[in-house]
Structures are given as structure tokens and as C-alpha cells.
PDB file of N, CA and C in Angstrom:
ATOM      1  N   MET A   1     168.012 183.600 -38.002  1.00  0.00           N
ATOM      2  CA  MET A   1     168.190 184.976 -38.191  1.00  0.00           C
ATOM      3  C   MET A   1     168.999 185.006 -39.533  1.00  0.00           C
ATOM      4  N   GLY A   2     168.947 185.873 -40.406  1.00  0.00           N
ATOM      5  CA  GLY A   2     169.502 186.016 -41.617  1.00  0.00           C
ATOM      6  C   GLY A   2     170.753 187.095 -41.432  1.00  0.00           C
ATOM      7  N   ILE A   3     171.551 186.997 -42.511  1.00  0.00           N
ATOM      8  CA  ILE A   3     172.825 187.441 -42.632  1.00  0.00           C
ATOM      9  C   ILE A   3     172.634 188.863 -43.275  1.00  0.00           C
ATOM     10  N   THR A   4     173.175 189.845 -42.844  1.00  0.00           N
ATOM     11  CA  THR A   4     173.308 190.998 -43.498  1.00  0.00           C
ATOM     12  C   THR A   4     174.717 191.473 -43.868  1.00  0.00           C
ATOM     13  N   THR A   5     174.832 191.819 -45.072  1.00  0.00           N
ATOM     14  CA  THR A   5     176.172 192.099 -45.763  1.00  0.00           C
ATOM     15  C   THR A   5     175.904 193.480 -46.332  1.00  0.00           C
ATOM     16  N   ILE A   6     177.145 194.363 -46.384  1.00  0.00           N
ATOM     17  CA  ILE A   6     177.076 195.591 -47.122  1.00  0.00           C
ATOM     18  C   ILE A   6     178.474 195.588 -47.973  1.00  0.00           C
ATOM     19  N   ASP A   7     178.303 196.504 -48.886  1.00  0.00           N
ATOM     20  CA  ASP A   7     179.518 197.052 -49.709  1.00  0.00           C
ATOM     21  C   ASP A   7     179.932 198.177 -49.108  1.00  0.00           C
ATOM     22  N   ILE A   8     181.155 198.539 -48.741  1.00  0.00           N
ATOM     23  CA  ILE A   8     181.476 199.432 -48.168  1.00  0.00           C
ATOM     24  C   ILE A   8     183.079 200.027 -48.607  1.00  0.00           C
ATOM     25  N   GLU A   9     183.218 201.240 -48.494  1.00  0.00           N
ATOM     26  CA  GLU A   9     184.866 201.665 -48.992  1.00  0.00           C
ATOM     27  C   GLU A   9     185.538 201.861 -47.742  1.00  0.00           C
ATOM     28  N   ILE A  10     186.799 201.424 -47.872  1.00  0.00           N
ATOM     29  CA  ILE A  10     187.885 201.630 -46.994  1.00  0.00           C
ATOM     30  C   ILE A  10     188.829 202.295 -47.329  1.00  0.00           C
ATOM     31  N   ALA A  11     189.652 203.247 -46.600  1.00  0.00           N
ATOM     32  CA  ALA A  11     190.634 204.213 -47.341  1.00  0.00           C
ATOM     33  C   ALA A  11     191.612 204.224 -45.781  1.00  0.00           C
ATOM     34  N   ASN A  12     192.884 204.686 -46.310  1.00  0.00           N
ATOM     35  CA  ASN A  12     194.041 205.045 -45.340  1.00  0.00           C
ATOM     36  C   ASN A  12     193.656 206.596 -45.113  1.00  0.00           C
ATOM     37  N   PRO A  13     193.634 206.683 -43.656  1.00  0.00           N
ATOM     38  CA  PRO A  13     193.271 208.022 -43.203  1.00  0.00           C
ATOM     39  C   PRO A  13     194.250 209.192 -43.682  1.00  0.00           C
ATOM     40  N   ILE A  14     195.405 208.800 -44.107  1.00  0.00           N
ATOM     41  CA  ILE A  14     196.318 209.633 -44.737  1.00  0.00           C
ATOM     42  C   ILE A  14     196.150 210.055 -46.217  1.00  0.00           C
ATOM     43  N   LYS A  15     195.655 208.954 -46.886  1.00  0.00           N
ATOM     44  CA  LYS A  15     195.296 209.065 -48.254  1.00  0.00           C
ATOM     45  C   LYS A  15     193.632 208.736 -48.514  1.00  0.00           C
ATOM     46  N   PRO A  16     192.610 209.507 -48.024  1.00  0.00           N
ATOM     47  CA  PRO A  16     191.425 209.069 -47.904  1.00  0.00           C
ATOM     48  C   PRO A  16     190.811 209.037 -49.475  1.00  0.00           C
ATOM     49  N   GLU A  17     191.430 209.611 -50.453  1.00  0.00           N
ATOM     50  CA  GLU A  17     190.875 209.711 -51.768  1.00  0.00           C
ATOM     51  C   GLU A  17     191.268 208.069 -52.360  1.00  0.00           C
ATOM     52  N   ILE A  18     192.061 207.423 -51.946  1.00  0.00           N
ATOM     53  CA  ILE A  18     192.212 205.958 -52.464  1.00  0.00           C
ATOM     54  C   ILE A  18     191.680 205.192 -51.582  1.00  0.00           C
ATOM     55  N   ARG A  19     190.402 204.579 -52.226  1.00  0.00           N
ATOM     56  CA  ARG A  19     189.691 203.667 -51.587  1.00  0.00           C
ATOM     57  C   ARG A  19     189.593 202.337 -52.180  1.00  0.00           C
ATOM     58  N   GLU A  20     189.104 201.489 -51.463  1.00  0.00           N
ATOM     59  CA  GLU A  20     188.761 200.162 -52.062  1.00  0.00           C
ATOM     60  C   GLU A  20     187.463 199.565 -51.349  1.00  0.00           C
ATOM     61  N   LYS A  21     186.647 199.028 -52.194  1.00  0.00           N
ATOM     62  CA  LYS A  21     185.317 198.680 -51.755  1.00  0.00           C
ATOM     63  C   LYS A  21     185.526 197.179 -51.441  1.00  0.00           C
ATOM     64  N   VAL A  22     184.876 196.898 -50.367  1.00  0.00           N
ATOM     65  CA  VAL A  22     184.608 195.491 -49.830  1.00  0.00           C
ATOM     66  C   VAL A  22     183.360 195.158 -49.393  1.00  0.00           C
ATOM     67  N   THR A  23     183.017 193.865 -49.400  1.00  0.00           N
ATOM     68  CA  THR A  23     181.763 193.505 -48.821  1.00  0.00           C
ATOM     69  C   THR A  23     182.046 192.783 -47.300  1.00  0.00           C
ATOM     70  N   LEU A  24     181.436 193.322 -46.331  1.00  0.00           N
ATOM     71  CA  LEU A  24     181.372 192.931 -45.122  1.00  0.00           C
ATOM     72  C   LEU A  24     180.281 192.294 -44.512  1.00  0.00           C
ATOM     73  N   MET A  25     180.178 191.322 -43.528  1.00  0.00           N
ATOM     74  CA  MET A  25     179.058 190.808 -43.035  1.00  0.00           C
ATOM     75  C   MET A  25     178.938 191.820 -41.699  1.00  0.00           C
ATOM     76  N   VAL A  26     177.795 192.423 -41.474  1.00  0.00           N
ATOM     77  CA  VAL A  26     177.415 193.086 -40.265  1.00  0.00           C
ATOM     78  C   VAL A  26     177.301 192.315 -38.999  1.00  0.00           C
ATOM     79  N   ASP A  27     178.112 192.485 -38.190  1.00  0.00           N
ATOM     80  CA  ASP A  27     178.103 191.599 -37.085  1.00  0.00           C
ATOM     81  C   ASP A  27     177.794 192.468 -35.558  1.00  0.00           C
ATOM     82  N   SER A  28     176.537 192.742 -35.284  1.00  0.00           N
ATOM     83  CA  SER A  28     176.503 193.768 -34.238  1.00  0.00           C
ATOM     84  C   SER A  28     176.843 192.989 -32.683  1.00  0.00           C
ATOM     85  N   GLY A  29     177.476 191.855 -32.789  1.00  0.00           N
ATOM     86  CA  GLY A  29     177.939 191.013 -31.676  1.00  0.00           C
ATOM     87  C   GLY A  29     179.588 191.226 -31.647  1.00  0.00           C
ATOM     88  N   ALA A  30     180.045 191.954 -32.846  1.00  0.00           N
ATOM     89  CA  ALA A  30     181.638 191.895 -32.805  1.00  0.00           C
ATOM     90  C   ALA A  30     182.025 193.515 -32.443  1.00  0.00           C
ATOM     91  N   LEU A  31     182.956 193.700 -31.526  1.00  0.00           N
ATOM     92  CA  LEU A  31     183.335 194.991 -31.241  1.00  0.00           C
ATOM     93  C   LEU A  31     183.993 195.715 -32.393  1.00  0.00           C
ATOM     94  N   TYR A  32     185.022 194.881 -32.933  1.00  0.00           N
ATOM     95  CA  TYR A  32     186.089 195.559 -34.111  1.00  0.00           C
ATOM     96  C   TYR A  32     185.403 195.094 -35.325  1.00  0.00           C
ATOM     97  N   SER A  33     185.827 195.694 -36.459  1.00  0.00           N
ATOM     98  CA  SER A  33     185.594 195.281 -37.850  1.00  0.00           C
ATOM     99  C   SER A  33     186.777 194.213 -38.205  1.00  0.00           C
ATOM    100  N   VAL A  34     186.677 193.258 -38.947  1.00  0.00           N
ATOM    101  CA  VAL A  34     187.775 192.549 -39.506  1.00  0.00           C
ATOM    102  C   VAL A  34     187.895 192.680 -41.000  1.00  0.00           C
ATOM    103  N   ILE A  35     188.985 193.149 -41.181  1.00  0.00           N
ATOM    104  CA  ILE A  35     189.180 193.563 -42.879  1.00  0.00           C
ATOM    105  C   ILE A  35     190.237 192.585 -43.241  1.00  0.00           C
ATOM    106  N   PRO A  36     190.408 191.980 -44.560  1.00  0.00           N
ATOM    107  CA  PRO A  36     191.296 191.304 -44.758  1.00  0.00           C
ATOM    108  C   PRO A  36     192.535 191.892 -45.080  1.00  0.00           C
ATOM    109  N   GLY A  37     193.808 191.205 -44.516  1.00  0.00           N
ATOM    110  CA  GLY A  37     195.109 191.909 -44.443  1.00  0.00           C
ATOM    111  C   GLY A  37     195.394 192.338 -45.916  1.00  0.00           C
ATOM    112  N   GLU A  38     195.116 191.693 -46.849  1.00  0.00           N
ATOM    113  CA  GLU A  38     195.623 191.981 -48.202  1.00  0.00           C
ATOM    114  C   GLU A  38     195.039 193.346 -48.704  1.00  0.00           C
ATOM    115  N   VAL A  39     193.940 193.642 -48.279  1.00  0.00           N
ATOM    116  CA  VAL A  39     193.227 194.970 -48.564  1.00  0.00           C
ATOM    117  C   VAL A  39     194.013 195.998 -47.749  1.00  0.00           C
ATOM    118  N   LEU A  40     194.127 196.032 -46.555  1.00  0.00           N
ATOM    119  CA  LEU A  40     194.722 197.080 -45.669  1.00  0.00           C
ATOM    120  C   LEU A  40     196.263 197.127 -46.283  1.00  0.00           C
ATOM    121  N   LYS A  41     197.062 195.987 -46.786  1.00  0.00           N
ATOM    122  CA  LYS A  41     198.219 196.264 -47.233  1.00  0.00           C
ATOM    123  C   LYS A  41     198.277 197.082 -48.500  1.00  0.00           C
ATOM    124  N   ARG A  42     197.072 196.770 -49.384  1.00  0.00           N
ATOM    125  CA  ARG A  42     197.021 197.438 -50.727  1.00  0.00           C
ATOM    126  C   ARG A  42     196.884 199.056 -50.341  1.00  0.00           C
ATOM    127  N   LEU A  43     196.274 199.450 -49.357  1.00  0.00           N
ATOM    128  CA  LEU A  43     195.928 200.788 -48.765  1.00  0.00           C
ATOM    129  C   LEU A  43     196.924 201.277 -48.213  1.00  0.00           C
ATOM    130  N   GLY A  44     198.136 200.622 -47.828  1.00  0.00           N
ATOM    131  CA  GLY A  44     199.158 201.190 -47.163  1.00  0.00           C
ATOM    132  C   GLY A  44     199.119 201.054 -45.908  1.00  0.00           C
ATOM    133  N   LEU A  45     198.188 200.327 -45.232  1.00  0.00           N
ATOM    134  CA  LEU A  45     197.784 200.663 -43.575  1.00  0.00           C
ATOM    135  C   LEU A  45     198.672 199.310 -43.186  1.00  0.00           C
ATOM    136  N   GLU A  46     199.430 199.639 -42.145  1.00  0.00           N
ATOM    137  CA  GLU A  46     200.255 198.591 -41.432  1.00  0.00           C
ATOM    138  C   GLU A  46     199.737 198.254 -40.089  1.00  0.00           C
ATOM    139  N   THR A  47     200.115 197.353 -39.515  1.00  0.00           N
ATOM    140  CA  THR A  47     199.773 196.576 -38.184  1.00  0.00           C
ATOM    141  C   THR A  47     200.707 197.740 -37.093  1.00  0.00           C
ATOM    142  N   ILE A  48     199.648 198.103 -36.332  1.00  0.00           N
ATOM    143  CA  ILE A  48     200.032 199.100 -35.025  1.00  0.00           C
ATOM    144  C   ILE A  48     200.435 198.441 -33.893  1.00  0.00           C
ATOM    145  N   ASP A  49     199.596 197.186 -33.771  1.00  0.00           N
ATOM    146  CA  ASP A  49     199.579 196.428 -32.106  1.00  0.00           C
ATOM    147  C   ASP A  49     198.991 195.145 -32.663  1.00  0.00           C
ATOM    148  N   HIS A  50     199.144 194.248 -31.624  1.00  0.00           N
ATOM    149  CA  HIS A  50     198.408 192.959 -31.596  1.00  0.00           C
ATOM    150  C   HIS A  50     197.475 192.719 -30.232  1.00  0.00           C
ATOM    151  N   GLU A  51     196.771 191.980 -30.608  1.00  0.00           N
ATOM    152  CA  GLU A  51     195.734 191.659 -29.360  1.00  0.00           C
ATOM    153  C   GLU A  51     195.296 190.504 -29.221  1.00  0.00           C
ATOM    154  N   ALA A  52     194.897 189.751 -28.418  1.00  0.00           N
ATOM    155  CA  ALA A  52     194.285 188.375 -28.250  1.00  0.00           C
ATOM    156  C   ALA A  52     192.882 188.526 -28.319  1.00  0.00           C
ATOM    157  N   PHE A  53     192.234 187.505 -28.932  1.00  0.00           N
ATOM    158  CA  PHE A  53     190.753 187.335 -29.138  1.00  0.00           C
ATOM    159  C   PHE A  53     190.349 185.621 -28.863  1.00  0.00           C
ATOM    160  N   PHE A  54     189.033 185.863 -28.245  1.00  0.00           N
ATOM    161  CA  PHE A  54     188.547 184.577 -28.100  1.00  0.00           C
ATOM    162  C   PHE A  54     187.424 184.250 -29.040  1.00  0.00           C
ATOM    163  N   LEU A  55     187.458 183.102 -29.611  1.00  0.00           N
ATOM    164  CA  LEU A  55     186.521 182.494 -30.601  1.00  0.00           C
ATOM    165  C   LEU A  55     185.353 182.059 -29.748  1.00  0.00           C
ATOM    166  N   ALA A  56     184.213 181.928 -30.320  1.00  0.00           N
ATOM    167  CA  ALA A  56     182.956 181.356 -30.139  1.00  0.00           C
ATOM    168  C   ALA A  56     183.052 179.984 -29.432  1.00  0.00           C
ATOM    169  N   ASN A  57     183.989 179.130 -29.966  1.00  0.00           N
ATOM    170  CA  ASN A  57     184.443 177.881 -29.405  1.00  0.00           C
ATOM    171  C   ASN A  57     185.372 177.823 -28.306  1.00  0.00           C
ATOM    172  N   GLY A  58     185.889 178.955 -27.934  1.00  0.00           N
ATOM    173  CA  GLY A  58     186.850 179.207 -26.481  1.00  0.00           C
ATOM    174  C   GLY A  58     188.310 179.179 -27.299  1.00  0.00           C
ATOM    175  N   ASP A  59     188.475 179.004 -28.571  1.00  0.00           N
ATOM    176  CA  ASP A  59     190.040 179.266 -28.776  1.00  0.00           C
ATOM    177  C   ASP A  59     190.661 180.497 -28.831  1.00  0.00           C
ATOM    178  N   ARG A  60     191.641 180.609 -28.241  1.00  0.00           N
ATOM    179  CA  ARG A  60     192.420 182.115 -28.285  1.00  0.00           C
ATOM    180  C   ARG A  60     193.172 182.133 -29.467  1.00  0.00           C
ATOM    181  N   ILE A  61     193.237 183.466 -30.160  1.00  0.00           N
ATOM    182  CA  ILE A  61     194.081 183.653 -31.443  1.00  0.00           C
ATOM    183  C   ILE A  61     194.564 185.017 -31.084  1.00  0.00           C
ATOM    184  N   GLU A  62     195.613 185.355 -31.930  1.00  0.00           N
ATOM    185  CA  GLU A  62     196.126 186.698 -31.751  1.00  0.00           C
ATOM    186  C   GLU A  62     196.158 187.316 -33.317  1.00  0.00           C
ATOM    187  N   ARG A  63     195.812 188.567 -33.405  1.00  0.00           N
ATOM    188  CA  ARG A  63     195.725 189.375 -34.433  1.00  0.00           C
ATOM    189  C   ARG A  63     196.252 190.663 -34.445  1.00  0.00           C
ATOM    190  N   GLY A  64     196.952 191.066 -35.663  1.00  0.00           N
ATOM    191  CA  GLY A  64     197.133 192.551 -35.745  1.00  0.00           C
ATOM    192  C   GLY A  64     196.018 193.398 -35.795  1.00  0.00           C
ATOM    193  N   ILE A  65     196.276 194.555 -35.226  1.00  0.00           N
ATOM    194  CA  ILE A  65     195.427 195.709 -35.035  1.00  0.00           C
ATOM    195  C   ILE A  65     195.907 197.043 -35.908  1.00  0.00           C
ATOM    196  N   SER A  66     194.991 197.672 -36.574  1.00  0.00           N
ATOM    197  CA  SER A  66     195.220 198.720 -37.567  1.00  0.00           C
ATOM    198  C   SER A  66     194.450 199.835 -37.460  1.00  0.00           C
ATOM    199  N   SER A  67     194.248 200.755 -38.221  1.00  0.00           N
ATOM    200  CA  SER A  67     193.177 201.794 -38.247  1.00  0.00           C
ATOM    201  C   SER A  67     192.891 202.053 -39.700  1.00  0.00           C
ATOM    202  N   ALA A  68     191.689 202.398 -39.858  1.00  0.00           N
ATOM    203  CA  ALA A  68     191.011 202.671 -41.145  1.00  0.00           C
ATOM    204  C   ALA A  68     189.994 203.621 -41.335  1.00  0.00           C
ATOM    205  N   LEU A  69     189.672 204.208 -42.498  1.00  0.00           N
ATOM    206  CA  LEU A  69     188.890 205.118 -42.605  1.00  0.00           C
ATOM    207  C   LEU A  69     187.771 204.507 -43.377  1.00  0.00           C
ATOM    208  N   PHE A  70     186.418 204.695 -43.078  1.00  0.00           N
ATOM    209  CA  PHE A  70     185.226 203.914 -43.645  1.00  0.00           C
ATOM    210  C   PHE A  70     184.384 205.116 -44.185  1.00  0.00           C
ATOM    211  N   PHE A  71     183.770 204.768 -45.473  1.00  0.00           N
ATOM    212  CA  PHE A  71     182.722 205.460 -46.278  1.00  0.00           C
ATOM    213  C   PHE A  71     181.644 204.666 -46.482  1.00  0.00           C
ATOM    214  N   TYR A  72     180.522 205.227 -46.075  1.00  0.00           N
ATOM    215  CA  TYR A  72     179.279 204.357 -46.307  1.00  0.00           C
ATOM    216  C   TYR A  72     178.039 205.489 -46.419  1.00  0.00           C
ATOM    217  N   GLN A  73     177.229 205.453 -47.632  1.00  0.00           N
ATOM    218  CA  GLN A  73     176.217 206.365 -48.025  1.00  0.00           C
ATOM    219  C   GLN A  73     176.412 207.622 -47.561  1.00  0.00           C
ATOM    220  N   GLY A  74     177.310 208.370 -48.187  1.00  0.00           N
ATOM    221  CA  GLY A  74     177.605 209.630 -48.007  1.00  0.00           C
ATOM    222  C   GLY A  74     178.120 210.106 -46.434  1.00  0.00           C
ATOM    223  N   LYS A  75     178.433 209.220 -45.497  1.00  0.00           N
ATOM    224  CA  LYS A  75     178.961 209.405 -44.300  1.00  0.00           C
ATOM    225  C   LYS A  75     180.387 208.704 -44.184  1.00  0.00           C
ATOM    226  N   TRP A  76     181.374 209.234 -43.261  1.00  0.00           N
ATOM    227  CA  TRP A  76     182.706 208.596 -43.146  1.00  0.00           C
ATOM    228  C   TRP A  76     183.004 208.539 -41.755  1.00  0.00           C
ATOM    229  N   GLY A  77     183.889 207.666 -41.188  1.00  0.00           N
ATOM    230  CA  GLY A  77     184.278 207.654 -39.990  1.00  0.00           C
ATOM    231  C   GLY A  77     185.621 206.694 -39.739  1.00  0.00           C
ATOM    232  N   PRO A  78     186.422 207.101 -38.853  1.00  0.00           N
ATOM    233  CA  PRO A  78     187.595 206.124 -38.702  1.00  0.00           C
ATOM    234  C   PRO A  78     187.144 205.245 -37.741  1.00  0.00           C
ATOM    235  N   SER A  79     188.130 204.025 -37.704  1.00  0.00           N
ATOM    236  CA  SER A  79     187.967 202.975 -36.732  1.00  0.00           C
ATOM    237  C   SER A  79     188.959 202.057 -36.776  1.00  0.00           C
ATOM    238  N   LYS A  80     189.232 201.691 -35.547  1.00  0.00           N
ATOM    239  CA  LYS A  80     190.291 200.544 -35.239  1.00  0.00           C
ATOM    240  C   LYS A  80     189.636 199.311 -35.944  1.00  0.00           C
ATOM    241  N   VAL A  81     190.713 198.481 -36.424  1.00  0.00           N
ATOM    242  CA  VAL A  81     190.373 197.272 -37.167  1.00  0.00           C
ATOM    243  C   VAL A  81     191.159 196.142 -36.820  1.00  0.00           C
ATOM    244  N   VAL A  82     190.656 194.822 -36.975  1.00  0.00           N
ATOM    245  CA  VAL A  82     191.536 193.729 -37.052  1.00  0.00           C
ATOM    246  C   VAL A  82     192.086 193.397 -38.107  1.00  0.00           C
ATOM    247  N   VAL A  83     193.166 193.037 -38.388  1.00  0.00           N
ATOM    248  CA  VAL A  83     194.054 192.539 -39.641  1.00  0.00           C
ATOM    249  C   VAL A  83     193.443 191.273 -39.922  1.00  0.00           C
ATOM    250  N   GLY A  84     192.625 190.964 -40.844  1.00  0.00           N
ATOM    251  CA  GLY A  84     192.176 189.451 -41.076  1.00  0.00           C
ATOM    252  C   GLY A  84     193.161 188.843 -41.813  1.00  0.00           C
ATOM    253  N   GLU A  85     193.392 187.496 -41.296  1.00  0.00           N
ATOM    254  CA  GLU A  85     194.177 186.633 -41.933  1.00  0.00           C
ATOM    255  C   GLU A  85     193.296 185.682 -42.996  1.00  0.00           C
ATOM    256  N   PRO A  86     194.222 184.778 -43.608  1.00  0.00           N
ATOM    257  CA  PRO A  86     193.189 183.811 -44.423  1.00  0.00           C
ATOM    258  C   PRO A  86     192.418 182.886 -43.658  1.00  0.00           C
ATOM    259  N   GLY A  87     191.039 182.545 -43.998  1.00  0.00           N
ATOM    260  CA  GLY A  87     190.038 182.178 -43.387  1.00  0.00           C
ATOM    261  C   GLY A  87     189.317 182.685 -42.295  1.00  0.00           C
ATOM    262  N   ASP A  88     189.565 183.760 -42.078  1.00  0.00           N
ATOM    263  CA  ASP A  88     188.906 184.862 -41.224  1.00  0.00           C
ATOM    264  C   ASP A  88     187.687 185.461 -41.907  1.00  0.00           C
ATOM    265  N   SER A  89     186.567 185.624 -41.312  1.00  0.00           N
ATOM    266  CA  SER A  89     185.421 186.130 -41.998  1.00  0.00           C
ATOM    267  C   SER A  89     185.633 187.760 -41.915  1.00  0.00           C
ATOM    268  N   SER A  90     185.261 188.396 -43.033  1.00  0.00           N
ATOM    269  CA  SER A  90     185.423 189.731 -43.010  1.00  0.00           C
ATOM    270  C   SER A  90     184.222 190.451 -42.381  1.00  0.00           C
ATOM    271  N   LEU A  91     184.368 191.260 -41.220  1.00  0.00           N
ATOM    272  CA  LEU A  91     183.196 191.695 -40.415  1.00  0.00           C
ATOM    273  C   LEU A  91     182.847 193.076 -40.503  1.00  0.00           C
ATOM    274  N   LEU A  92     181.854 193.715 -40.369  1.00  0.00           N
ATOM    275  CA  LEU A  92     181.616 195.176 -39.976  1.00  0.00           C
ATOM    276  C   LEU A  92     181.253 195.218 -38.514  1.00  0.00           C
ATOM    277  N   GLY A  93     182.098 195.586 -37.545  1.00  0.00           N
ATOM    278  CA  GLY A  93     181.645 195.310 -35.989  1.00  0.00           C
ATOM    279  C   GLY A  93     181.010 196.710 -35.688  1.00  0.00           C
ATOM    280  N   VAL A  94     180.483 196.756 -34.278  1.00  0.00           N
ATOM    281  CA  VAL A  94     180.054 197.981 -33.784  1.00  0.00           C
ATOM    282  C   VAL A  94     180.714 199.364 -33.753  1.00  0.00           C
ATOM    283  N   LEU A  95     182.072 199.204 -33.395  1.00  0.00           N
ATOM    284  CA  LEU A  95     182.747 200.389 -33.289  1.00  0.00           C
ATOM    285  C   LEU A  95     182.764 201.116 -34.622  1.00  0.00           C
ATOM    286  N   THR A  96     182.924 200.376 -35.775  1.00  0.00           N
ATOM    287  CA  THR A  96     182.841 201.159 -37.143  1.00  0.00           C
ATOM    288  C   THR A  96     181.519 201.574 -37.330  1.00  0.00           C
ATOM    289  N   LEU A  97     180.369 200.833 -37.061  1.00  0.00           N
ATOM    290  CA  LEU A  97     178.894 201.280 -37.199  1.00  0.00           C
ATOM    291  C   LEU A  97     178.736 202.486 -36.453  1.00  0.00           C
ATOM    292  N   GLU A  98     179.373 202.629 -35.316  1.00  0.00           N
ATOM    293  CA  GLU A  98     178.854 203.770 -34.447  1.00  0.00           C
ATOM    294  C   GLU A  98     179.734 205.004 -34.863  1.00  0.00           C
ATOM    295  N   SER A  99     181.075 204.914 -35.251  1.00  0.00           N
ATOM    296  CA  SER A  99     181.743 205.966 -35.976  1.00  0.00           C
ATOM    297  C   SER A  99     180.900 206.582 -37.435  1.00  0.00           C
ATOM    298  N   LEU A 100     180.599 205.525 -38.024  1.00  0.00           N
ATOM    299  CA  LEU A 100     179.653 206.188 -39.206  1.00  0.00           C
ATOM    300  C   LEU A 100     178.292 206.761 -38.957  1.00  0.00           C
ATOM    301  N   GLY A 101     177.798 206.300 -37.591  1.00  0.00           N
ATOM    302  CA  GLY A 101     176.415 206.929 -37.322  1.00  0.00           C
ATOM    303  C   GLY A 101     175.352 206.044 -37.666  1.00  0.00           C
ATOM    304  N   PHE A 102     175.725 204.700 -37.881  1.00  0.00           N
ATOM    305  CA  PHE A 102     174.654 203.718 -38.099  1.00  0.00           C
ATOM    306  C   PHE A 102     174.374 202.619 -36.996  1.00  0.00           C
ATOM    307  N   ALA A 103     173.200 201.868 -37.105  1.00  0.00           N
ATOM    308  CA  ALA A 103     172.818 201.002 -36.269  1.00  0.00           C
ATOM    309  C   ALA A 103     172.212 199.938 -36.947  1.00  0.00           C
ATOM    310  N   LEU A 104     172.330 198.494 -36.502  1.00  0.00           N
ATOM    311  CA  LEU A 104     171.692 197.436 -37.371  1.00  0.00           C
ATOM    312  C   LEU A 104     170.245 197.166 -36.874  1.00  0.00           C
ATOM    313  N   ASP A 105     169.406 197.415 -37.820  1.00  0.00           N
ATOM    314  CA  ASP A 105     168.020 196.990 -37.407  1.00  0.00           C
ATOM    315  C   ASP A 105     167.890 195.427 -37.643  1.00  0.00           C
ATOM    316  N   PRO A 106     167.738 194.693 -36.670  1.00  0.00           N
ATOM    317  CA  PRO A 106     167.940 193.159 -36.764  1.00  0.00           C
ATOM    318  C   PRO A 106     166.536 192.715 -37.226  1.00  0.00           C
ATOM    319  N   ILE A 107     165.619 193.401 -37.365  1.00  0.00           N
ATOM    320  CA  ILE A 107     164.089 192.865 -37.812  1.00  0.00           C
ATOM    321  C   ILE A 107     164.256 193.026 -39.316  1.00  0.00           C
ATOM    322  N   ARG A 108     164.554 194.284 -39.711  1.00  0.00           N
ATOM    323  CA  ARG A 108     164.666 194.448 -41.399  1.00  0.00           C
ATOM    324  C   ARG A 108     165.888 194.001 -41.999  1.00  0.00           C
ATOM    325  N   ARG A 109     166.926 193.766 -41.221  1.00  0.00           N
ATOM    326  CA  ARG A 109     168.338 193.144 -41.603  1.00  0.00           C
ATOM    327  C   ARG A 109     168.964 194.541 -42.395  1.00  0.00           C
ATOM    328  N   GLU A 110     168.865 195.400 -42.007  1.00  0.00           N
ATOM    329  CA  GLU A 110     169.540 196.720 -42.772  1.00  0.00           C
ATOM    330  C   GLU A 110     170.112 197.757 -41.830  1.00  0.00           C
ATOM    331  N   LEU A 111     170.997 198.711 -42.376  1.00  0.00           N
ATOM    332  CA  LEU A 111     171.413 199.607 -41.225  1.00  0.00           C
ATOM    333  C   LEU A 111     170.615 200.967 -41.419  1.00  0.00           C
ATOM    334  N   ARG A 112     170.613 201.499 -40.191  1.00  0.00           N
ATOM    335  CA  ARG A 112     169.640 202.702 -40.084  1.00  0.00           C
ATOM    336  C   ARG A 112     170.446 203.788 -39.404  1.00  0.00           C
ATOM    337  N   PRO A 113     170.244 204.971 -39.943  1.00  0.00           N
ATOM    338  CA  PRO A 113     171.040 205.969 -39.308  1.00  0.00           C
ATOM    339  C   PRO A 113     170.675 206.064 -37.760  1.00  0.00           C
ATOM    340  N   MET A 114     171.753 206.450 -36.795  1.00  0.00           N
ATOM    341  CA  MET A 114     171.306 206.268 -35.537  1.00  0.00           C
ATOM    342  C   MET A 114     170.987 207.915 -35.094  1.00  0.00           C
ATOM    343  N   LYS A 115     170.296 208.145 -33.870  1.00  0.00           N
ATOM    344  CA  LYS A 115     170.103 208.999 -33.463  1.00  0.00           C
ATOM    345  C   LYS A 115     171.099 209.687 -32.722  1.00  0.00           C
ATOM    346  N   MET A 116     171.933 210.760 -33.383  1.00  0.00           N
ATOM    347  CA  MET A 116     172.954 211.383 -32.519  1.00  0.00           C
ATOM    348  C   MET A 116     172.927 212.077 -31.293  1.00  0.00           C
ATOM    349  N   LEU A 117     173.344 211.365 -30.217  1.00  0.00           N
ATOM    350  CA  LEU A 117     173.045 212.364 -28.782  1.00  0.00           C
ATOM    351  C   LEU A 117     174.357 212.888 -28.221  1.00  0.00           C
ATOM    352  N   LEU A 118     174.144 214.071 -27.846  1.00  0.00           N
ATOM    353  CA  LEU A 118     175.315 215.037 -27.180  1.00  0.00           C
ATOM    354  C   LEU A 118     174.902 214.986 -25.839  1.00  0.00           C
ATOM    355  N   VAL A 119     175.563 214.398 -24.955  1.00  0.00           N
ATOM    356  CA  VAL A 119     175.115 214.426 -23.702  1.00  0.00           C
ATOM    357  C   VAL A 119     176.315 214.911 -22.647  1.00  0.00           C
TER     358      VAL A 119
END
């Protein structure tokens, strides 16, 4: 299967006019987005908490957690994010995708607007 990447803008929710564009790999198997720590720092976003994660090989790691505002194709949405460290992949996870109202089309390897249901 191919890799899907997108260019997306990230901002501090308190100062949404100050944004930084980053390239993220879309990972529909990842819950959280992983954003490089230096990007979050430049936007003035601090680590709020820490959580433990397990890698595919079974290793346990701990990473900082923050919150960011995302902008993509005229839509915006807030999302909890993992503070990436050197060597970590930069990922766009499903919580951010859903917050923006998009889903990954795995056949075409592109993002498509989700049908928004209010049930």
C-alpha cells in the first residue's frame, strides 16, 4: 500500500492567525497526530501531559501531549497531539482527521470529506 502525505497548517488555538505549514503522513491506524516538538514550540504550544505508547515492535515509549488547531482545505479543527521527538515520524491521526471532517480513501490514497452525522 502507498503512503499518503498532506501539507497542513497548524496553529496555537489562542493565536490561530499564526500558523505553520507541515507535511504529515496520513495514518488511519494512529489515534493521535504526531507533530514535531520544535514546530509546537515555535507556535507557543507547551506539553500539557505525558502518556505511554506502544510501538509496533512492542517497545513502550513516553511522549508529551499538547493541543493544536489544524487548517486544511478551508476547514479547521482542534485536536490533541503527541509532541514528537527527534526520530519520530510526523503523522496525521484519526482524531485530527475527524475533527477536520475528513476520512482517508485507502484506494485513491486521498482525503475525502466525511458525511457529518448528528445522531
